[in-house]
Amino acid sequence: ILSWSDRFLTREEQLVASGTDLAQHADQYYRCDDPLCS
């Protein structure tokens, strides 16, 4: 799947892939709005 050029990307993936803001990266990958993840 990861090798597919046409792989569907979620909004969260696109933000992490294109952004340089570490806080935004943390928010998308670490899901800090979830109590356990936080």
Full PDB file with SEQRES, HELIX, SHEET, SSBOND, CRYST1, ORIGX, SCALE, CONECT and MASTER records, all heavy atoms in Angstrom:
SEQRES   1 A   38  ILE LEU SER TRP SER ASP ARG PHE LEU THR ARG GLU GLU          
SEQRES   2 A   38  GLN LEU VAL ALA SER GLY THR ASP LEU ALA GLN HIS ALA          
SEQRES   3 A   38  ASP GLN TYR TYR ARG CYS ASP ASP PRO LEU CYS SER              
HELIX    1 AA1 ARG A   11  SER A   18  1                                   8    
HELIX    2 AA2 LEU A   22  TYR A   29  1                                   8    
CRYST1    1.000    1.000    1.000  90.00  90.00  90.00 P 1           1          
ORIGX1      1.000000  0.000000  0.000000        0.00000                         
ORIGX2      0.000000  1.000000  0.000000        0.00000                         
ORIGX3      0.000000  0.000000  1.000000        0.00000                         
SCALE1      1.000000  0.000000  0.000000        0.00000                         
SCALE2      0.000000  1.000000  0.000000        0.00000                         
SCALE3      0.000000  0.000000  1.000000        0.00000                         
ATOM      1  N   ILE A   1       0.831  -1.212   0.000  1.00  0.00           N  
ATOM      2  CA  ILE A   1       0.000   0.000   0.000  1.00  0.00           C  
ATOM      3  C   ILE A   1       0.861   1.255   0.000  1.00  0.00           C  
ATOM      4  O   ILE A   1       0.613   2.202  -0.758  1.00  0.00           O  
ATOM      5  CB  ILE A   1      -0.930   0.017   1.230  1.00  0.00           C  
ATOM      6  CG1 ILE A   1      -1.896  -1.169   1.201  1.00  0.00           C  
ATOM      7  CG2 ILE A   1      -1.731   1.319   1.287  1.00  0.00           C  
ATOM      8  CD1 ILE A   1      -2.638  -1.377   2.511  1.00  0.00           C  
ATOM      9  N   LEU A   2       1.886   1.274   0.839  1.00  0.00           N  
ATOM     10  CA  LEU A   2       2.722   2.471   0.959  1.00  0.00           C  
ATOM     11  C   LEU A   2       3.461   2.796  -0.342  1.00  0.00           C  
ATOM     12  O   LEU A   2       3.878   3.928  -0.539  1.00  0.00           O  
ATOM     13  CB  LEU A   2       3.723   2.297   2.103  1.00  0.00           C  
ATOM     14  CG  LEU A   2       3.136   2.303   3.521  1.00  0.00           C  
ATOM     15  CD1 LEU A   2       4.205   1.940   4.539  1.00  0.00           C  
ATOM     16  CD2 LEU A   2       2.514   3.661   3.858  1.00  0.00           C  
ATOM     17  N   SER A   3       3.602   1.799  -1.216  1.00  0.00           N  
ATOM     18  CA  SER A   3       4.328   2.028  -2.469  1.00  0.00           C  
ATOM     19  C   SER A   3       3.439   2.575  -3.579  1.00  0.00           C  
ATOM     20  O   SER A   3       3.946   2.957  -4.632  1.00  0.00           O  
ATOM     21  CB  SER A   3       4.972   0.711  -2.940  1.00  0.00           C  
ATOM     22  OG  SER A   3       3.981  -0.195  -3.409  1.00  0.00           O  
ATOM     23  N   TRP A   4       2.123   2.621  -3.349  1.00  0.00           N  
ATOM     24  CA  TRP A   4       1.213   3.040  -4.415  1.00  0.00           C  
ATOM     25  C   TRP A   4       1.305   4.548  -4.651  1.00  0.00           C  
ATOM     26  O   TRP A   4       1.183   5.348  -3.714  1.00  0.00           O  
ATOM     27  CB  TRP A   4      -0.230   2.693  -4.058  1.00  0.00           C  
ATOM     28  CG  TRP A   4      -0.494   1.229  -3.927  1.00  0.00           C  
ATOM     29  CD1 TRP A   4       0.312   0.198  -4.323  1.00  0.00           C  
ATOM     30  CD2 TRP A   4      -1.653   0.618  -3.342  1.00  0.00           C  
ATOM     31  NE1 TRP A   4      -0.260  -1.005  -4.024  1.00  0.00           N  
ATOM     32  CE2 TRP A   4      -1.469  -0.785  -3.421  1.00  0.00           C  
ATOM     33  CE3 TRP A   4      -2.818   1.120  -2.761  1.00  0.00           C  
ATOM     34  CZ2 TRP A   4      -2.412  -1.679  -2.943  1.00  0.00           C  
ATOM     35  CZ3 TRP A   4      -3.760   0.228  -2.288  1.00  0.00           C  
ATOM     36  CH2 TRP A   4      -3.556  -1.156  -2.381  1.00  0.00           C  
ATOM     37  N   SER A   5       1.459   4.932  -5.904  1.00  0.00           N  
ATOM     38  CA  SER A   5       1.495   6.359  -6.239  1.00  0.00           C  
ATOM     39  C   SER A   5       0.119   7.003  -6.104  1.00  0.00           C  
ATOM     40  O   SER A   5       0.014   8.221  -5.923  1.00  0.00           O  
ATOM     41  CB  SER A   5       2.015   6.544  -7.667  1.00  0.00           C  
ATOM     42  OG  SER A   5       1.171   5.882  -8.597  1.00  0.00           O  
ATOM     43  N   ASP A   6      -0.940   6.167  -6.187  1.00  0.00           N  
ATOM     44  CA  ASP A   6      -2.297   6.709  -6.102  1.00  0.00           C  
ATOM     45  C   ASP A   6      -2.935   6.454  -4.734  1.00  0.00           C  
ATOM     46  O   ASP A   6      -4.152   6.507  -4.596  1.00  0.00           O  
ATOM     47  CB  ASP A   6      -3.185   6.098  -7.191  1.00  0.00           C  
ATOM     48  CG  ASP A   6      -3.397   4.591  -7.003  1.00  0.00           C  
ATOM     49  OD1 ASP A   6      -2.599   3.957  -6.272  1.00  0.00           O  
ATOM     50  OD2 ASP A   6      -4.369   4.044  -7.573  1.00  0.00           O  
ATOM     51  N   ARG A   7      -2.107   6.173  -3.725  1.00  0.00           N  
ATOM     52  CA  ARG A   7      -2.666   5.856  -2.405  1.00  0.00           C  
ATOM     53  C   ARG A   7      -3.490   7.024  -1.871  1.00  0.00           C  
ATOM     54  O   ARG A   7      -3.050   8.173  -1.912  1.00  0.00           O  
ATOM     55  CB  ARG A   7      -1.552   5.510  -1.417  1.00  0.00           C  
ATOM     56  CG  ARG A   7      -2.067   5.231  -0.004  1.00  0.00           C  
ATOM     57  CD  ARG A   7      -1.009   4.585   0.856  1.00  0.00           C  
ATOM     58  NE  ARG A   7       0.139   5.429   1.076  1.00  0.00           N  
ATOM     59  CZ  ARG A   7       0.231   6.346   2.040  1.00  0.00           C  
ATOM     60  NH1 ARG A   7      -0.796   6.559   2.847  1.00  0.00           N  
ATOM     61  NH2 ARG A   7       1.319   7.064   2.180  1.00  0.00           N  
ATOM     62  N   PHE A   8      -4.667   6.710  -1.354  1.00  0.00           N  
ATOM     63  CA  PHE A   8      -5.522   7.741  -0.778  1.00  0.00           C  
ATOM     64  C   PHE A   8      -4.859   8.294   0.483  1.00  0.00           C  
ATOM     65  O   PHE A   8      -4.445   7.540   1.364  1.00  0.00           O  
ATOM     66  CB  PHE A   8      -6.886   7.150  -0.416  1.00  0.00           C  
ATOM     67  CG  PHE A   8      -7.853   8.168   0.135  1.00  0.00           C  
ATOM     68  CD1 PHE A   8      -8.587   8.974  -0.713  1.00  0.00           C  
ATOM     69  CD2 PHE A   8      -8.011   8.334   1.510  1.00  0.00           C  
ATOM     70  CE1 PHE A   8      -9.474   9.917  -0.217  1.00  0.00           C  
ATOM     71  CE2 PHE A   8      -8.892   9.278   2.017  1.00  0.00           C  
ATOM     72  CZ  PHE A   8      -9.624  10.064   1.150  1.00  0.00           C  
ATOM     73  N   LEU A   9      -4.761   9.613   0.548  1.00  0.00           N  
ATOM     74  CA  LEU A   9      -4.156  10.274   1.704  1.00  0.00           C  
ATOM     75  C   LEU A   9      -5.237  10.983   2.508  1.00  0.00           C  
ATOM     76  O   LEU A   9      -6.055  11.724   1.949  1.00  0.00           O  
ATOM     77  CB  LEU A   9      -3.111  11.299   1.251  1.00  0.00           C  
ATOM     78  CG  LEU A   9      -1.902  10.756   0.496  1.00  0.00           C  
ATOM     79  CD1 LEU A   9      -1.012  11.908   0.050  1.00  0.00           C  
ATOM     80  CD2 LEU A   9      -1.110   9.785   1.370  1.00  0.00           C  
ATOM     81  N   THR A  10      -5.226  10.778   3.792  1.00  0.00           N  
ATOM     82  CA  THR A  10      -6.166  11.482   4.652  1.00  0.00           C  
ATOM     83  C   THR A  10      -5.728  12.932   4.829  1.00  0.00           C  
ATOM     84  O   THR A  10      -4.591  13.307   4.518  1.00  0.00           O  
ATOM     85  CB  THR A  10      -6.242  10.821   6.041  1.00  0.00           C  
ATOM     86  OG1 THR A  10      -4.975  10.972   6.700  1.00  0.00           O  
ATOM     87  CG2 THR A  10      -6.585   9.343   5.935  1.00  0.00           C  
ATOM     88  N   ARG A  11      -6.633  13.727   5.325  1.00  0.00           N  
ATOM     89  CA  ARG A  11      -6.311  15.117   5.623  1.00  0.00           C  
ATOM     90  C   ARG A  11      -5.144  15.186   6.608  1.00  0.00           C  
ATOM     91  O   ARG A  11      -4.246  16.027   6.480  1.00  0.00           O  
ATOM     92  CB  ARG A  11      -7.542  15.808   6.208  1.00  0.00           C  
ATOM     93  CG  ARG A  11      -7.348  17.292   6.517  1.00  0.00           C  
ATOM     94  CD  ARG A  11      -8.585  17.860   7.200  1.00  0.00           C  
ATOM     95  NE  ARG A  11      -9.811  17.589   6.443  1.00  0.00           N  
ATOM     96  CZ  ARG A  11     -10.803  16.834   6.887  1.00  0.00           C  
ATOM     97  NH1 ARG A  11     -10.726  16.255   8.075  1.00  0.00           N  
ATOM     98  NH2 ARG A  11     -11.886  16.637   6.156  1.00  0.00           N  
ATOM     99  N   GLU A  12      -5.151  14.294   7.605  1.00  0.00           N  
ATOM    100  CA  GLU A  12      -4.098  14.298   8.615  1.00  0.00           C  
ATOM    101  C   GLU A  12      -2.744  13.967   8.000  1.00  0.00           C  
ATOM    102  O   GLU A  12      -1.725  14.586   8.330  1.00  0.00           O  
ATOM    103  CB  GLU A  12      -4.451  13.289   9.721  1.00  0.00           C  
ATOM    104  CG  GLU A  12      -5.652  13.678  10.580  1.00  0.00           C  
ATOM    105  CD  GLU A  12      -6.994  13.373   9.909  1.00  0.00           C  
ATOM    106  OE1 GLU A  12      -7.013  12.752   8.817  1.00  0.00           O  
ATOM    107  OE2 GLU A  12      -8.029  13.760  10.488  1.00  0.00           O  
ATOM    108  N   GLU A  13      -2.715  12.984   7.100  1.00  0.00           N  
ATOM    109  CA  GLU A  13      -1.464  12.645   6.415  1.00  0.00           C  
ATOM    110  C   GLU A  13      -0.955  13.825   5.596  1.00  0.00           C  
ATOM    111  O   GLU A  13       0.254  14.124   5.593  1.00  0.00           O  
ATOM    112  CB  GLU A  13      -1.681  11.458   5.478  1.00  0.00           C  
ATOM    113  CG  GLU A  13      -1.802  10.117   6.145  1.00  0.00           C  
ATOM    114  CD  GLU A  13      -1.992   9.018   5.123  1.00  0.00           C  
ATOM    115  OE1 GLU A  13      -3.134   8.845   4.656  1.00  0.00           O  
ATOM    116  OE2 GLU A  13      -1.000   8.337   4.790  1.00  0.00           O  
ATOM    117  N   GLN A  14      -1.838  14.477   4.886  1.00  0.00           N  
ATOM    118  CA  GLN A  14      -1.431  15.593   4.034  1.00  0.00           C  
ATOM    119  C   GLN A  14      -0.864  16.736   4.855  1.00  0.00           C  
ATOM    120  O   GLN A  14       0.126  17.364   4.463  1.00  0.00           O  
ATOM    121  CB  GLN A  14      -2.627  16.061   3.204  1.00  0.00           C  
ATOM    122  CG  GLN A  14      -3.057  15.064   2.146  1.00  0.00           C  
ATOM    123  CD  GLN A  14      -4.324  15.475   1.415  1.00  0.00           C  
ATOM    124  OE1 GLN A  14      -5.170  16.173   1.965  1.00  0.00           O  
ATOM    125  NE2 GLN A  14      -4.465  15.037   0.179  1.00  0.00           N  
ATOM    126  N   LEU A  15      -1.468  17.004   6.024  1.00  0.00           N  
ATOM    127  CA  LEU A  15      -0.965  18.081   6.876  1.00  0.00           C  
ATOM    128  C   LEU A  15       0.424  17.767   7.406  1.00  0.00           C  
ATOM    129  O   LEU A  15       1.308  18.619   7.428  1.00  0.00           O  
ATOM    130  CB  LEU A  15      -1.937  18.322   8.033  1.00  0.00           C  
ATOM    131  CG  LEU A  15      -3.249  19.029   7.670  1.00  0.00           C  
ATOM    132  CD1 LEU A  15      -4.216  18.996   8.842  1.00  0.00           C  
ATOM    133  CD2 LEU A  15      -2.981  20.465   7.249  1.00  0.00           C  
ATOM    134  N   VAL A  16       0.622  16.516   7.836  1.00  0.00           N  
ATOM    135  CA  VAL A  16       1.932  16.138   8.362  1.00  0.00           C  
ATOM    136  C   VAL A  16       2.979  16.138   7.243  1.00  0.00           C  
ATOM    137  O   VAL A  16       4.118  16.567   7.441  1.00  0.00           O  
ATOM    138  CB  VAL A  16       1.861  14.757   9.047  1.00  0.00           C  
ATOM    139  CG1 VAL A  16       3.257  14.251   9.401  1.00  0.00           C  
ATOM    140  CG2 VAL A  16       1.008  14.839  10.319  1.00  0.00           C  
ATOM    141  N   ALA A  17       2.596  15.670   6.068  1.00  0.00           N  
ATOM    142  CA  ALA A  17       3.545  15.580   4.956  1.00  0.00           C  
ATOM    143  C   ALA A  17       3.969  16.951   4.447  1.00  0.00           C  
ATOM    144  O   ALA A  17       5.110  17.138   4.034  1.00  0.00           O  
ATOM    145  CB  ALA A  17       2.925  14.776   3.812  1.00  0.00           C  
ATOM    146  N   SER A  18       3.055  17.918   4.495  1.00  0.00           N  
ATOM    147  CA  SER A  18       3.347  19.216   3.897  1.00  0.00           C  
ATOM    148  C   SER A  18       3.767  20.276   4.905  1.00  0.00           C  
ATOM    149  O   SER A  18       4.339  21.297   4.536  1.00  0.00           O  
ATOM    150  CB  SER A  18       2.119  19.729   3.141  1.00  0.00           C  
ATOM    151  OG  SER A  18       1.033  19.921   4.037  1.00  0.00           O  
ATOM    152  N   GLY A  19       3.491  20.045   6.165  1.00  0.00           N  
ATOM    153  CA  GLY A  19       3.731  21.080   7.172  1.00  0.00           C  
ATOM    154  C   GLY A  19       5.087  20.972   7.837  1.00  0.00           C  
ATOM    155  O   GLY A  19       5.695  19.909   7.917  1.00  0.00           O  
ATOM    156  N   THR A  20       5.586  22.090   8.312  1.00  0.00           N  
ATOM    157  CA  THR A  20       6.836  22.122   9.079  1.00  0.00           C  
ATOM    158  C   THR A  20       6.571  22.515  10.527  1.00  0.00           C  
ATOM    159  O   THR A  20       7.498  22.598  11.322  1.00  0.00           O  
ATOM    160  CB  THR A  20       7.817  23.127   8.449  1.00  0.00           C  
ATOM    161  OG1 THR A  20       7.190  24.416   8.390  1.00  0.00           O  
ATOM    162  CG2 THR A  20       8.205  22.682   7.047  1.00  0.00           C  
ATOM    163  N   ASP A  21       5.330  22.762  10.853  1.00  0.00           N  
ATOM    164  CA  ASP A  21       4.942  23.176  12.198  1.00  0.00           C  
ATOM    165  C   ASP A  21       4.912  21.951  13.105  1.00  0.00           C  
ATOM    166  O   ASP A  21       4.064  21.062  12.963  1.00  0.00           O  
ATOM    167  CB  ASP A  21       3.560  23.837  12.154  1.00  0.00           C  
ATOM    168  CG  ASP A  21       3.159  24.429  13.498  1.00  0.00           C  
ATOM    169  OD1 ASP A  21       3.713  23.995  14.524  1.00  0.00           O  
ATOM    170  OD2 ASP A  21       2.277  25.304  13.511  1.00  0.00           O  
ATOM    171  N   LEU A  22       5.850  21.861  14.059  1.00  0.00           N  
ATOM    172  CA  LEU A  22       5.931  20.697  14.938  1.00  0.00           C  
ATOM    173  C   LEU A  22       4.687  20.544  15.794  1.00  0.00           C  
ATOM    174  O   LEU A  22       4.253  19.434  16.103  1.00  0.00           O  
ATOM    175  CB  LEU A  22       7.178  20.789  15.823  1.00  0.00           C  
ATOM    176  CG  LEU A  22       8.517  20.670  15.090  1.00  0.00           C  
ATOM    177  CD1 LEU A  22       9.671  20.800  16.084  1.00  0.00           C  
ATOM    178  CD2 LEU A  22       8.614  19.358  14.330  1.00  0.00           C  
ATOM    179  N   ALA A  23       4.089  21.672  16.189  1.00  0.00           N  
ATOM    180  CA  ALA A  23       2.870  21.600  16.998  1.00  0.00           C  
ATOM    181  C   ALA A  23       1.736  20.966  16.194  1.00  0.00           C  
ATOM    182  O   ALA A  23       0.961  20.168  16.711  1.00  0.00           O  
ATOM    183  CB  ALA A  23       2.470  23.000  17.474  1.00  0.00           C  
ATOM    184  N   GLN A  24       1.671  21.326  14.908  1.00  0.00           N  
ATOM    185  CA  GLN A  24       0.651  20.736  14.047  1.00  0.00           C  
ATOM    186  C   GLN A  24       0.915  19.248  13.857  1.00  0.00           C  
ATOM    187  O   GLN A  24      -0.003  18.426  13.856  1.00  0.00           O  
ATOM    188  CB  GLN A  24       0.647  21.448  12.692  1.00  0.00           C  
ATOM    189  CG  GLN A  24      -0.490  20.997  11.778  1.00  0.00           C  
ATOM    190  CD  GLN A  24      -0.462  21.718  10.452  1.00  0.00           C  
ATOM    191  OE1 GLN A  24       0.444  21.509   9.644  1.00  0.00           O  
ATOM    192  NE2 GLN A  24      -1.446  22.561  10.218  1.00  0.00           N  
ATOM    193  N   HIS A  25       2.175  18.870  13.698  1.00  0.00           N  
ATOM    194  CA  HIS A  25       2.553  17.472  13.572  1.00  0.00           C  
ATOM    195  C   HIS A  25       2.102  16.702  14.803  1.00  0.00           C  
ATOM    196  O   HIS A  25       1.518  15.616  14.694  1.00  0.00           O  
ATOM    197  CB  HIS A  25       4.069  17.356  13.404  1.00  0.00           C  
ATOM    198  CG  HIS A  25       4.564  15.955  13.221  1.00  0.00           C  
ATOM    199  ND1 HIS A  25       4.640  15.044  14.264  1.00  0.00           N  
ATOM    200  CD2 HIS A  25       5.003  15.301  12.113  1.00  0.00           C  
ATOM    201  CE1 HIS A  25       5.112  13.901  13.812  1.00  0.00           C  
ATOM    202  NE2 HIS A  25       5.341  14.025  12.519  1.00  0.00           N  
ATOM    203  N   ALA A  26       2.352  17.254  15.969  1.00  0.00           N  
ATOM    204  CA  ALA A  26       1.965  16.597  17.221  1.00  0.00           C  
ATOM    205  C   ALA A  26       0.450  16.436  17.303  1.00  0.00           C  
ATOM    206  O   ALA A  26      -0.063  15.400  17.729  1.00  0.00           O  
ATOM    207  CB  ALA A  26       2.478  17.383  18.417  1.00  0.00           C  
ATOM    208  N   ASP A  27      -0.262  17.469  16.874  1.00  0.00           N  
ATOM    209  CA  ASP A  27      -1.721  17.434  16.963  1.00  0.00           C  
ATOM    210  C   ASP A  27      -2.291  16.345  16.061  1.00  0.00           C  
ATOM    211  O   ASP A  27      -3.243  15.656  16.446  1.00  0.00           O  
ATOM    212  CB  ASP A  27      -2.288  18.797  16.577  1.00  0.00           C  
ATOM    213  CG  ASP A  27      -3.794  18.866  16.775  1.00  0.00           C  
ATOM    214  OD1 ASP A  27      -4.250  18.508  17.873  1.00  0.00           O  
ATOM    215  OD2 ASP A  27      -4.501  19.264  15.843  1.00  0.00           O  
ATOM    216  N   GLN A  28      -1.703  16.174  14.868  1.00  0.00           N  
ATOM    217  CA  GLN A  28      -2.236  15.197  13.913  1.00  0.00           C  
ATOM    218  C   GLN A  28      -1.817  13.773  14.254  1.00  0.00           C  
ATOM    219  O   GLN A  28      -2.637  12.855  14.229  1.00  0.00           O  
ATOM    220  CB  GLN A  28      -1.784  15.542  12.488  1.00  0.00           C  
ATOM    221  CG  GLN A  28      -2.194  16.918  12.014  1.00  0.00           C  
ATOM    222  CD  GLN A  28      -3.698  17.143  12.086  1.00  0.00           C  
ATOM    223  OE1 GLN A  28      -4.488  16.248  11.817  1.00  0.00           O  
ATOM    224  NE2 GLN A  28      -4.097  18.347  12.472  1.00  0.00           N  
ATOM    225  N   TYR A  29      -0.543  13.561  14.530  1.00  0.00           N  
ATOM    226  CA  TYR A  29      -0.082  12.196  14.799  1.00  0.00           C  
ATOM    227  C   TYR A  29      -0.357  11.775  16.246  1.00  0.00           C  
ATOM    228  O   TYR A  29      -0.850  10.673  16.498  1.00  0.00           O  
ATOM    229  CB  TYR A  29       1.413  12.045  14.502  1.00  0.00           C  
ATOM    230  CG  TYR A  29       1.911  10.657  14.861  1.00  0.00           C  
ATOM    231  CD1 TYR A  29       1.506   9.555  14.109  1.00  0.00           C  
ATOM    232  CD2 TYR A  29       2.752  10.443  15.961  1.00  0.00           C  
ATOM    233  CE1 TYR A  29       1.930   8.270  14.446  1.00  0.00           C  
ATOM    234  CE2 TYR A  29       3.175   9.173  16.300  1.00  0.00           C  
ATOM    235  CZ  TYR A  29       2.763   8.087  15.541  1.00  0.00           C  
ATOM    236  OH  TYR A  29       3.166   6.817  15.882  1.00  0.00           O  
ATOM    237  N   TYR A  30      -0.068  12.655  17.197  1.00  0.00           N  
ATOM    238  CA  TYR A  30      -0.200  12.263  18.606  1.00  0.00           C  
ATOM    239  C   TYR A  30      -1.614  12.432  19.145  1.00  0.00           C  
ATOM    240  O   TYR A  30      -1.902  12.012  20.263  1.00  0.00           O  
ATOM    241  CB  TYR A  30       0.803  13.050  19.466  1.00  0.00           C  
ATOM    242  CG  TYR A  30       2.225  12.603  19.225  1.00  0.00           C  
ATOM    243  CD1 TYR A  30       3.096  13.376  18.481  1.00  0.00           C  
ATOM    244  CD2 TYR A  30       2.676  11.385  19.710  1.00  0.00           C  
ATOM    245  CE1 TYR A  30       4.396  12.957  18.238  1.00  0.00           C  
ATOM    246  CE2 TYR A  30       3.970  10.949  19.476  1.00  0.00           C  
ATOM    247  CZ  TYR A  30       4.824  11.747  18.741  1.00  0.00           C  
ATOM    248  OH  TYR A  30       6.111  11.318  18.493  1.00  0.00           O  
ATOM    249  N   ARG A  31      -2.518  13.021  18.368  1.00  0.00           N  
ATOM    250  CA  ARG A  31      -3.937  13.093  18.734  1.00  0.00           C  
ATOM    251  C   ARG A  31      -4.126  13.549  20.184  1.00  0.00           C  
ATOM    252  O   ARG A  31      -4.756  12.884  21.004  1.00  0.00           O  
ATOM    253  CB  ARG A  31      -4.599  11.731  18.517  1.00  0.00           C  
ATOM    254  CG  ARG A  31      -4.617  11.313  17.058  1.00  0.00           C  
ATOM    255  CD  ARG A  31      -5.278   9.965  16.853  1.00  0.00           C  
ATOM    256  NE  ARG A  31      -6.676   9.982  17.228  1.00  0.00           N  
ATOM    257  CZ  ARG A  31      -7.668  10.392  16.442  1.00  0.00           C  
ATOM    258  NH1 ARG A  31      -7.404  10.849  15.229  1.00  0.00           N  
ATOM    259  NH2 ARG A  31      -8.916  10.363  16.854  1.00  0.00           N  
ATOM    260  N   CYS A  32      -3.570  14.710  20.469  1.00  0.00           N  
ATOM    261  CA  CYS A  32      -3.550  15.187  21.850  1.00  0.00           C  
ATOM    262  C   CYS A  32      -4.924  15.581  22.382  1.00  0.00           C  
ATOM    263  O   CYS A  32      -5.055  15.879  23.579  1.00  0.00           O  
ATOM    264  CB  CYS A  32      -2.565  16.355  21.987  1.00  0.00           C  
ATOM    265  SG  CYS A  32      -0.844  15.842  21.772  1.00  0.00           S  
ATOM    266  N   ASP A  33      -5.934  15.584  21.512  1.00  0.00           N  
ATOM    267  CA  ASP A  33      -7.282  15.838  22.018  1.00  0.00           C  
ATOM    268  C   ASP A  33      -7.889  14.592  22.662  1.00  0.00           C  
ATOM    269  O   ASP A  33      -8.928  14.665  23.311  1.00  0.00           O  
ATOM    270  CB  ASP A  33      -8.197  16.329  20.896  1.00  0.00           C  
ATOM    271  CG  ASP A  33      -8.262  15.361  19.722  1.00  0.00           C  
ATOM    272  OD1 ASP A  33      -7.326  14.553  19.566  1.00  0.00           O  
ATOM    273  OD2 ASP A  33      -9.246  15.415  18.965  1.00  0.00           O  
ATOM    274  N   ASP A  34      -7.238  13.446  22.487  1.00  0.00           N  
ATOM    275  CA  ASP A  34      -7.663  12.208  23.136  1.00  0.00           C  
ATOM    276  C   ASP A  34      -6.950  12.104  24.485  1.00  0.00           C  
ATOM    277  O   ASP A  34      -5.721  12.195  24.539  1.00  0.00           O  
ATOM    278  CB  ASP A  34      -7.311  11.013  22.254  1.00  0.00           C  
ATOM    279  CG  ASP A  34      -7.734   9.685  22.858  1.00  0.00           C  
ATOM    280  OD1 ASP A  34      -7.115   9.262  23.853  1.00  0.00           O  
ATOM    281  OD2 ASP A  34      -8.693   9.076  22.331  1.00  0.00           O  
ATOM    282  N   PRO A  35      -7.679  11.902  25.590  1.00  0.00           N  
ATOM    283  CA  PRO A  35      -7.040  11.914  26.912  1.00  0.00           C  
ATOM    284  C   PRO A  35      -5.914  10.887  27.066  1.00  0.00           C  
ATOM    285  O   PRO A  35      -4.853  11.207  27.622  1.00  0.00           O  
ATOM    286  CB  PRO A  35      -8.203  11.599  27.868  1.00  0.00           C  
ATOM    287  CG  PRO A  35      -9.423  12.041  27.145  1.00  0.00           C  
ATOM    288  CD  PRO A  35      -9.157  11.775  25.694  1.00  0.00           C  
ATOM    289  N   LEU A  36      -6.123   9.664  26.593  1.00  0.00           N  
ATOM    290  CA  LEU A  36      -5.082   8.653  26.726  1.00  0.00           C  
ATOM    291  C   LEU A  36      -3.871   8.987  25.856  1.00  0.00           C  
ATOM    292  O   LEU A  36      -2.731   8.880  26.312  1.00  0.00           O  
ATOM    293  CB  LEU A  36      -5.627   7.279  26.343  1.00  0.00           C  
ATOM    294  CG  LEU A  36      -6.534   6.599  27.367  1.00  0.00           C  
ATOM    295  CD1 LEU A  36      -7.076   5.286  26.810  1.00  0.00           C  
ATOM    296  CD2 LEU A  36      -5.791   6.331  28.672  1.00  0.00           C  
ATOM    297  N   CYS A  37      -4.116   9.410  24.625  1.00  0.00           N  
ATOM    298  CA  CYS A  37      -2.999   9.787  23.748  1.00  0.00           C  
ATOM    299  C   CYS A  37      -2.235  10.980  24.307  1.00  0.00           C  
ATOM    300  O   CYS A  37      -1.005  11.029  24.248  1.00  0.00           O  
ATOM    301  CB  CYS A  37      -3.520  10.102  22.353  1.00  0.00           C  
ATOM    302  SG  CYS A  37      -4.102   8.661  21.428  1.00  0.00           S  
ATOM    303  N   SER A  38      -2.973  11.938  24.850  1.00  0.00           N  
ATOM    304  CA  SER A  38      -2.335  13.119  25.423  1.00  0.00           C  
ATOM    305  C   SER A  38      -1.423  12.742  26.587  1.00  0.00           C  
ATOM    306  O   SER A  38      -0.301  13.253  26.708  1.00  0.00           O  
ATOM    307  CB  SER A  38      -3.403  14.110  25.885  1.00  0.00           C  
ATOM    308  OG  SER A  38      -2.812  15.239  26.493  1.00  0.00           O  
TER     309      SER A  38                                                      
MASTER        0    0    0    2    0    0    0    6  308    1    0    3          
END                                                                             
